[in-house]
N, C-alpha and C. Protein backbone atom coordinates (compact mmCIF):
# COMPACT_ATOMS: atom_id res chain seq x y z
N MET A 1 108.26 113.42 104.09
CA MET A 1 108.37 112.44 102.85
C MET A 1 106.69 112.80 102.19
N ILE A 2 105.81 112.85 102.94
CA ILE A 2 104.06 112.63 102.31
C ILE A 2 104.51 114.07 101.50
N GLY A 3 104.94 114.56 102.21
CA GLY A 3 104.84 116.36 101.06
C GLY A 3 105.83 115.61 99.82
N GLU A 4 107.10 115.15 99.90
CA GLU A 4 107.85 115.17 98.73
C GLU A 4 107.08 114.05 97.63
N VAL A 5 106.17 113.67 98.43
CA VAL A 5 105.36 112.34 97.19
C VAL A 5 104.56 113.27 96.53
N LEU A 6 103.47 114.07 97.59
CA LEU A 6 102.94 114.91 97.05
C LEU A 6 103.03 116.11 95.80
N ILE A 7 104.18 116.49 96.27
CA ILE A 7 104.53 117.24 95.03
C ILE A 7 104.79 116.92 93.71
N ALA A 8 105.34 115.46 94.07
CA ALA A 8 105.89 114.45 92.86
C ALA A 8 104.31 114.23 91.74
N ALA A 9 103.64 113.59 92.71
CA ALA A 9 102.24 113.48 91.93
C ALA A 9 101.03 113.95 91.74
N THR A 10 101.79 115.55 91.86
CA THR A 10 100.48 116.33 91.65
C THR A 10 101.61 117.69 90.56
N SER A 11 102.43 116.98 90.34
CA SER A 11 103.48 118.17 89.43
C SER A 11 103.12 118.54 88.03
N HIS A 12 102.79 117.58 87.41
CA HIS A 12 102.02 117.66 86.25
C HIS A 12 100.74 118.57 86.07
N LEU A 13 100.12 118.74 86.95
CA LEU A 13 98.71 119.57 87.22
C LEU A 13 98.74 120.87 86.71
N LYS A 14 98.50 121.65 86.31
CA LYS A 14 98.09 123.11 85.64
C LYS A 14 97.81 124.11 86.52
N LYS A 15 97.55 123.83 87.75
CA LYS A 15 97.14 124.58 88.73
C LYS A 15 97.95 124.89 89.08
N GLN A 16 98.24 125.93 90.35
CA GLN A 16 98.88 126.30 91.35
C GLN A 16 99.63 125.07 91.84
N ALA A 17 100.77 124.98 91.51
CA ALA A 17 101.81 124.58 92.58
C ALA A 17 101.83 124.06 94.22
N ILE A 18 101.53 123.15 94.56
CA ILE A 18 101.52 122.31 95.88
C ILE A 18 103.45 122.74 96.29
N THR A 19 103.15 123.25 97.17
CA THR A 19 104.33 123.89 98.03
C THR A 19 104.61 122.49 99.71
N ILE A 20 105.98 122.70 99.94
CA ILE A 20 105.93 121.43 101.54
C ILE A 20 105.62 122.65 102.21
N ASN A 21 105.13 123.67 101.94
CA ASN A 21 104.63 124.77 103.36
C ASN A 21 103.12 124.22 103.70
N ASN A 22 102.52 124.50 102.10
CA ASN A 22 101.16 123.96 101.77
C ASN A 22 101.25 122.96 102.94
N ILE A 23 101.67 121.64 101.85
CA ILE A 23 101.65 120.20 102.66
C ILE A 23 101.46 120.53 104.36
N ASP A 24 102.75 120.94 104.45
CA ASP A 24 102.87 120.77 106.09
C ASP A 24 102.44 121.69 107.14
N GLU A 25 101.08 122.60 106.32
CA GLU A 25 100.18 123.59 106.63
C GLU A 25 99.04 122.35 106.95
N ALA A 26 98.95 122.04 105.89
CA ALA A 26 97.72 120.72 105.73
C ALA A 26 98.08 119.57 106.99
N LEU A 27 98.66 119.28 106.89
CA LEU A 27 99.38 118.14 107.76
C LEU A 27 99.16 118.17 109.44
N ASP A 28 99.44 119.77 109.45
CA ASP A 28 99.44 120.20 111.23
C ASP A 28 98.23 120.14 111.68
N GLU A 29 97.08 120.71 110.54
CA GLU A 29 95.94 120.82 110.54
C GLU A 29 95.19 119.99 110.74
N ILE A 30 95.56 118.90 109.97
CA ILE A 30 94.92 117.63 109.63
C ILE A 30 95.55 116.89 111.20
N ALA A 31 96.31 116.96 112.11
CA ALA A 31 96.91 116.31 112.77
C ALA A 31 96.04 116.91 114.30
N GLU A 32 95.80 118.08 114.24
CA GLU A 32 95.08 118.87 115.52
C GLU A 32 93.60 118.49 115.29
N ASN A 33 93.23 118.21 114.16
CA ASN A 33 91.90 118.27 114.84
C ASN A 33 91.09 116.54 114.51
N ILE A 34 92.37 116.44 113.37
CA ILE A 34 91.32 114.21 113.44
C ILE A 34 92.53 113.56 113.98
N GLY A 35 93.70 113.54 113.52
CA GLY A 35 95.14 113.04 114.09
C GLY A 35 95.29 112.13 112.94
N LEU A 36 96.75 111.74 113.04
CA LEU A 36 97.61 111.34 111.26
C LEU A 36 96.87 109.78 111.74
N GLU A 37 96.41 109.56 112.44
CA GLU A 37 96.35 108.08 112.84
C GLU A 37 95.06 107.44 111.97
N GLU A 38 94.19 108.79 112.27
CA GLU A 38 92.90 108.29 112.15
C GLU A 38 92.83 108.91 110.21
N PHE A 39 93.87 109.89 109.95
CA PHE A 39 94.13 110.20 108.54
C PHE A 39 94.32 109.12 107.89
N GLY A 40 95.33 108.59 108.54
CA GLY A 40 95.84 107.66 107.25
C GLY A 40 94.77 106.27 107.30
N SER A 41 94.31 106.05 108.18
CA SER A 41 92.93 105.02 108.33
C SER A 41 92.03 105.67 106.65
N ASP A 42 91.97 106.83 107.28
CA ASP A 42 90.55 107.30 106.10
C ASP A 42 91.46 107.39 104.38
N ILE A 43 93.16 107.55 104.38
CA ILE A 43 93.22 107.24 103.28
C ILE A 43 93.29 105.79 102.63
N LEU A 44 93.01 105.10 104.09
CA LEU A 44 93.67 103.81 102.95
C LEU A 44 92.57 102.97 102.12
N THR A 45 91.17 103.44 103.48
CA THR A 45 89.75 102.84 102.75
C THR A 45 89.59 103.55 101.62
N GLU A 46 90.07 105.10 101.30
CA GLU A 46 89.76 105.51 99.86
C GLU A 46 90.78 104.43 99.25
N LEU A 47 91.51 104.29 99.42
CA LEU A 47 92.58 103.53 97.99
C LEU A 47 91.82 102.47 98.11
N GLY A 48 91.27 101.55 99.13
CA GLY A 48 90.96 100.66 99.31
C GLY A 48 89.36 100.41 98.26
N LYS A 49 88.64 101.26 98.23
CA LYS A 49 87.74 101.30 97.00
C LYS A 49 88.17 101.61 95.48
N ARG A 50 89.28 101.43 95.55
CA ARG A 50 89.70 101.92 93.87
C ARG A 50 90.31 100.64 92.99
N PRO A 51 89.69 100.22 92.08
CA PRO A 51 90.43 98.63 91.58
C PRO A 51 92.20 99.31 91.48
N MET A 52 92.69 99.77 90.88
CA MET A 52 94.00 100.30 90.63
C MET A 52 94.80 100.08 91.98
N THR A 53 94.41 100.70 93.28
CA THR A 53 95.30 100.85 94.54
C THR A 53 94.47 99.58 95.39
N ARG A 54 93.52 98.82 94.97
CA ARG A 54 93.27 97.77 96.24
C ARG A 54 93.57 96.89 96.64
N ASN A 55 94.90 96.91 95.85
CA ASN A 55 95.58 95.60 95.89
C ASN A 55 96.80 96.36 97.21
N LEU A 56 97.48 97.40 97.19
CA LEU A 56 97.96 98.15 97.72
C LEU A 56 97.64 98.19 99.37
N VAL A 57 96.38 98.09 99.81
CA VAL A 57 95.62 98.20 100.42
C VAL A 57 95.58 96.80 101.27
N GLU A 58 95.41 95.59 100.09
CA GLU A 58 95.86 94.57 100.71
C GLU A 58 97.25 94.07 101.15
N VAL A 59 97.86 94.55 100.95
CA VAL A 59 99.02 94.51 101.63
C VAL A 59 99.47 95.07 102.70
N VAL A 60 99.16 96.01 102.84
CA VAL A 60 99.30 97.27 104.38
C VAL A 60 98.75 96.25 104.97
N GLU A 61 97.47 95.65 105.26
CA GLU A 61 96.19 95.22 105.98
C GLU A 61 97.08 93.64 106.72
N ALA A 62 98.11 93.29 105.21
CA ALA A 62 98.16 91.68 105.54
C ALA A 62 99.46 91.75 106.75
N GLU A 63 100.85 93.20 106.04
CA GLU A 63 101.44 93.33 106.52
C GLU A 63 101.41 93.84 108.48
N GLU A 64 99.86 94.67 108.71
CA GLU A 64 100.06 95.07 110.01
C GLU A 64 98.92 93.65 110.91
N LYS A 65 98.50 92.81 110.37
CA LYS A 65 97.76 91.52 110.87
C LYS A 65 99.14 90.62 111.96
N PRO A 66 100.17 90.72 111.73
CA PRO A 66 101.41 89.68 112.36
C PRO A 66 101.45 91.05 113.64
N ALA A 67 101.59 91.79 113.66
CA ALA A 67 101.90 93.23 114.46
C ALA A 67 100.64 93.19 115.22
N GLU A 68 99.65 93.08 115.52
CA GLU A 68 98.27 93.37 116.40
C GLU A 68 97.98 91.61 116.70
N ALA A 69 98.71 90.93 116.38
CA ALA A 69 98.26 89.17 117.27
C ALA A 69 99.70 89.07 118.66
């Protein structure tokens, strides 16, 4: 599903098209090197820095708090 979202989000770019295989390879490499949980945390950190997506991070963090308690 992540790959499909990335493809849709980048389909308007004039660069070489991203394929599911490219994304799968990149995610496999990330999983082996830093782990998907840390990668997800890094993504949330970066999204939290941007005004347009900051509120999305706040929603995710609010949803996670009851699970941690």
